[in-house]
C-alpha atoms as a PDB file:
ATOM      1  CA  MET A   1     -66.953 -11.254   6.766  1.00  0.00           C
ATOM      2  CA  LYS A   2     -66.656  -8.573   9.342  1.00  0.00           C
ATOM      3  CA  ASN A   3     -63.143  -9.843  10.367  1.00  0.00           C
ATOM      4  CA  ARG A   4     -61.912  -9.673   6.800  1.00  0.00           C
ATOM      5  CA  GLU A   5     -62.961  -5.979   6.489  1.00  0.00           C
ATOM      6  CA  HIS A   6     -61.296  -5.246   9.806  1.00  0.00           C
ATOM      7  CA  GLU A   7     -58.057  -6.943   8.671  1.00  0.00           C
ATOM      8  CA  HIS A   8     -58.058  -5.161   5.323  1.00  0.00           C
ATOM      9  CA  SER A   9     -58.555  -1.709   6.850  1.00  0.00           C
ATOM     10  CA  HIS A  10     -55.919  -2.511   9.451  1.00  0.00           C
ATOM     11  CA  ARG A  11     -53.257  -3.279   6.823  1.00  0.00           C
ATOM     12  CA  HIS A  12     -53.383   0.216   5.449  1.00  0.00           C
ATOM     13  CA  THR A  13     -52.827   1.877   8.759  1.00  0.00           C
ATOM     14  CA  VAL A  14     -49.483   0.143   9.469  1.00  0.00           C
ATOM     15  CA  ALA A  15     -46.491   2.424   9.114  1.00  0.00           C
ATOM     16  CA  PRO A  16     -44.086   1.647   6.320  1.00  0.00           C
ATOM     17  CA  VAL A  17     -41.040  -0.356   7.207  1.00  0.00           C
ATOM     18  CA  PHE A  18     -38.661   1.803   5.267  1.00  0.00           C
ATOM     19  CA  THR A  19     -38.468   5.439   6.450  1.00  0.00           C
ATOM     20  CA  ARG A  20     -35.606   6.850   4.330  1.00  0.00           C
ATOM     21  CA  ALA A  21     -35.984   5.164   0.938  1.00  0.00           C
ATOM     22  CA  GLN A  22     -39.044   4.102  -0.907  1.00  0.00           C
ATOM     23  CA  PRO A  23     -40.101   0.436  -0.310  1.00  0.00           C
ATOM     24  CA  HIS A  24     -39.421  -0.472  -3.925  1.00  0.00           C
ATOM     25  CA  GLN A  25     -35.812   0.784  -3.796  1.00  0.00           C
ATOM     26  CA  SER A  26     -32.924  -1.239  -2.394  1.00  0.00           C
ATOM     27  CA  VAL A  27     -29.653  -0.032  -1.074  1.00  0.00           C
ATOM     28  CA  SER A  28     -27.792  -1.568  -3.973  1.00  0.00           C
ATOM     29  CA  ASP A  29     -29.682   0.583  -6.458  1.00  0.00           C
ATOM     30  CA  HIS A  30     -27.401   3.494  -5.683  1.00  0.00           C
ATOM     31  CA  ALA A  31     -24.136   1.661  -5.198  1.00  0.00           C
ATOM     32  CA  PRO A  32     -21.487   2.515  -7.820  1.00  0.00           C
ATOM     33  CA  SER A  33     -20.742  -1.130  -8.556  1.00  0.00           C
ATOM     34  CA  SER A  34     -24.283  -1.814  -9.590  1.00  0.00           C
ATOM     35  CA  HIS A  35     -24.019   0.345 -12.732  1.00  0.00           C
ATOM     36  CA  PRO A  36     -23.275  -1.468 -15.963  1.00  0.00           C
ATOM     37  CA  HIS A  37     -20.707   1.181 -16.944  1.00  0.00           C
ATOM     38  CA  THR A  38     -18.501   0.148 -14.039  1.00  0.00           C
ATOM     39  CA  MET A  39     -18.073  -3.369 -15.390  1.00  0.00           C
ATOM     40  CA  ASN A  40     -17.465  -2.059 -18.922  1.00  0.00           C
ATOM     41  CA  ARG A  41     -14.605   0.216 -17.598  1.00  0.00           C
ATOM     42  CA  PHE A  42     -13.201  -2.693 -15.712  1.00  0.00           C
ATOM     43  CA  VAL A  43     -13.181  -4.954 -18.814  1.00  0.00           C
ATOM     44  CA  LEU A  44     -11.632  -2.103 -20.848  1.00  0.00           C
ATOM     45  CA  HIS A  45      -8.808  -1.675 -18.290  1.00  0.00           C
ATOM     46  CA  ILE A  46      -8.167  -5.431 -18.216  1.00  0.00           C
ATOM     47  CA  LEU A  47      -7.988  -5.523 -22.056  1.00  0.00           C
ATOM     48  CA  ALA A  48      -5.649  -2.519 -22.172  1.00  0.00           C
ATOM     49  CA  PHE A  49      -3.375  -4.140 -19.586  1.00  0.00           C
ATOM     50  CA  ILE A  50      -3.291  -7.458 -21.529  1.00  0.00           C
ATOM     51  CA  TYR A  51      -2.561  -5.578 -24.782  1.00  0.00           C
ATOM     52  CA  TYR A  52       0.250  -3.636 -23.079  1.00  0.00           C
ATOM     53  CA  ALA A  53       1.728  -6.740 -21.432  1.00  0.00           C
ATOM     54  CA  VAL A  54       1.707  -8.683 -24.725  1.00  0.00           C
ATOM     55  CA  TRP A  55       3.211  -5.674 -26.553  1.00  0.00           C
ATOM     56  CA  LEU A  56       5.923  -5.512 -23.969  1.00  0.00           C
ATOM     57  CA  LEU A  57       6.751  -9.287 -24.122  1.00  0.00           C
ATOM     58  CA  LEU A  58       6.849  -9.512 -27.961  1.00  0.00           C
ATOM     59  CA  PRO A  59      10.676  -9.378 -28.196  1.00  0.00           C
ATOM     60  CA  ILE A  60      11.024 -12.238 -25.628  1.00  0.00           C
ATOM     61  CA  PHE A  61       9.104 -14.556 -27.966  1.00  0.00           C
ATOM     62  CA  ASP A  62      10.649 -13.187 -31.140  1.00  0.00           C
ATOM     63  CA  LEU A  63       7.359 -11.940 -32.466  1.00  0.00           C
ATOM     64  CA  GLU A  64       8.280  -8.311 -32.947  1.00  0.00           C
ATOM     65  CA  GLY A  65       6.963  -6.927 -36.243  1.00  0.00           C
ATOM     66  CA  ARG A  66       4.904 -10.015 -37.192  1.00  0.00           C
ATOM     67  CA  TRP A  67       1.563  -8.829 -35.929  1.00  0.00           C
ATOM     68  CA  ALA A  68      -0.203  -5.807 -37.372  1.00  0.00           C
ATOM     69  CA  VAL A  69      -2.058  -5.287 -34.101  1.00  0.00           C
ATOM     70  CA  PHE A  70       1.153  -3.917 -32.579  1.00  0.00           C
ATOM     71  CA  PRO A  71       2.277  -1.212 -35.124  1.00  0.00           C
ATOM     72  CA  PHE A  72       5.160   0.254 -32.987  1.00  0.00           C
ATOM     73  CA  PRO A  73       8.275  -1.507 -31.705  1.00  0.00           C
ATOM     74  CA  SER A  74       8.147  -2.890 -28.145  1.00  0.00           C
ATOM     75  CA  ILE A  75      10.654  -0.356 -26.926  1.00  0.00           C
ATOM     76  CA  TYR A  76       7.886   2.239 -27.021  1.00  0.00           C
ATOM     77  CA  ALA A  77       6.060   0.174 -24.379  1.00  0.00           C
ATOM     78  CA  VAL A  78       8.914   1.078 -22.120  1.00  0.00           C
ATOM     79  CA  TYR A  79       9.494   4.613 -23.187  1.00  0.00           C
ATOM     80  CA  ILE A  80       5.855   5.820 -23.155  1.00  0.00           C
ATOM     81  CA  PRO A  81       5.234   5.222 -19.384  1.00  0.00           C
ATOM     82  CA  ILE A  82       8.575   6.790 -18.525  1.00  0.00           C
ATOM     83  CA  VAL A  83       7.796   9.902 -20.478  1.00  0.00           C
ATOM     84  CA  LEU A  84       4.249  10.121 -19.086  1.00  0.00           C
ATOM     85  CA  LEU A  85       5.611   9.757 -15.540  1.00  0.00           C
ATOM     86  CA  LEU A  86       8.212  12.496 -16.143  1.00  0.00           C
ATOM     87  CA  ILE A  87       5.559  14.785 -17.550  1.00  0.00           C
ATOM     88  CA  GLY A  88       3.186  14.085 -14.662  1.00  0.00           C
ATOM     89  CA  PHE A  89       5.781  14.587 -11.948  1.00  0.00           C
ATOM     90  CA  THR A  90       6.891  17.815 -13.646  1.00  0.00           C
ATOM     91  CA  ILE A  91       3.383  19.111 -13.733  1.00  0.00           C
ATOM     92  CA  ILE A  92       2.719  18.127 -10.068  1.00  0.00           C
ATOM     93  CA  GLY A  93       6.045  19.450  -8.919  1.00  0.00           C
ATOM     94  CA  THR A  94       5.453  22.757 -10.693  1.00  0.00           C
ATOM     95  CA  PHE A  95       1.963  23.089  -9.145  1.00  0.00           C
ATOM     96  CA  VAL A  96       3.253  22.400  -5.623  1.00  0.00           C
ATOM     97  CA  GLY A  97       6.181  24.736  -6.138  1.00  0.00           C
ATOM     98  CA  VAL A  98       3.862  27.545  -7.254  1.00  0.00           C
ATOM     99  CA  LEU A  99       1.633  26.979  -4.232  1.00  0.00           C
ATOM    100  CA  LEU A 100       4.687  27.166  -1.919  1.00  0.00           C
ATOM    101  CA  LEU A 101       5.967  30.364  -3.542  1.00  0.00           C
ATOM    102  CA  ARG A 102       2.527  31.982  -3.289  1.00  0.00           C
ATOM    103  CA  ASP A 103       2.225  30.951   0.323  1.00  0.00           C
ATOM    104  CA  THR A 104       5.606  32.404   1.237  1.00  0.00           C
ATOM    105  CA  GLU A 105       4.765  35.670  -0.633  1.00  0.00           C
ATOM    106  CA  ASP A 106       1.495  35.973   1.359  1.00  0.00           C
ATOM    107  CA  GLU A 107       3.366  35.413   4.627  1.00  0.00           C
ATOM    108  CA  THR A 108       6.013  38.095   3.761  1.00  0.00           C
ATOM    109  CA  MET A 109       3.228  40.563   2.674  1.00  0.00           C
ATOM    110  CA  GLU A 110       1.402  39.902   5.985  1.00  0.00           C
ATOM    111  CA  ALA A 111       4.653  40.426   7.940  1.00  0.00           C
ATOM    112  CA  ASP A 112       5.317  43.735   6.118  1.00  0.00           C
ATOM    113  CA  THR A 113       1.824  45.106   6.829  1.00  0.00           C
ATOM    114  CA  LYS A 114       2.207  44.252  10.554  1.00  0.00           C
ATOM    115  CA  ARG A 115       5.339  46.446  10.873  1.00  0.00           C
END
């Protein structure tokens, strides 16, 4: 009986194994891939890609205009990404250009103040 009491009291004096996290938490609790929303987004992206690919391939199989799921002609599947890329490159190019112009203006102002 005395040995059991000694073992029991000795168990509580041992230092915990985990020093950074709580013992009930695992490393994967905080990983981004463990959240259920990550898988939902992945499935939505896959479904959007499949929808776009089928929409793009409708004219090849002579199914254009037969399904109500695809209300627009397939040529829009080509034009929409082109327009989005042009708009995106224009915005990014404008942003970089403005940054370059402001940088050269700052350099010329610094050069004028040093004279």
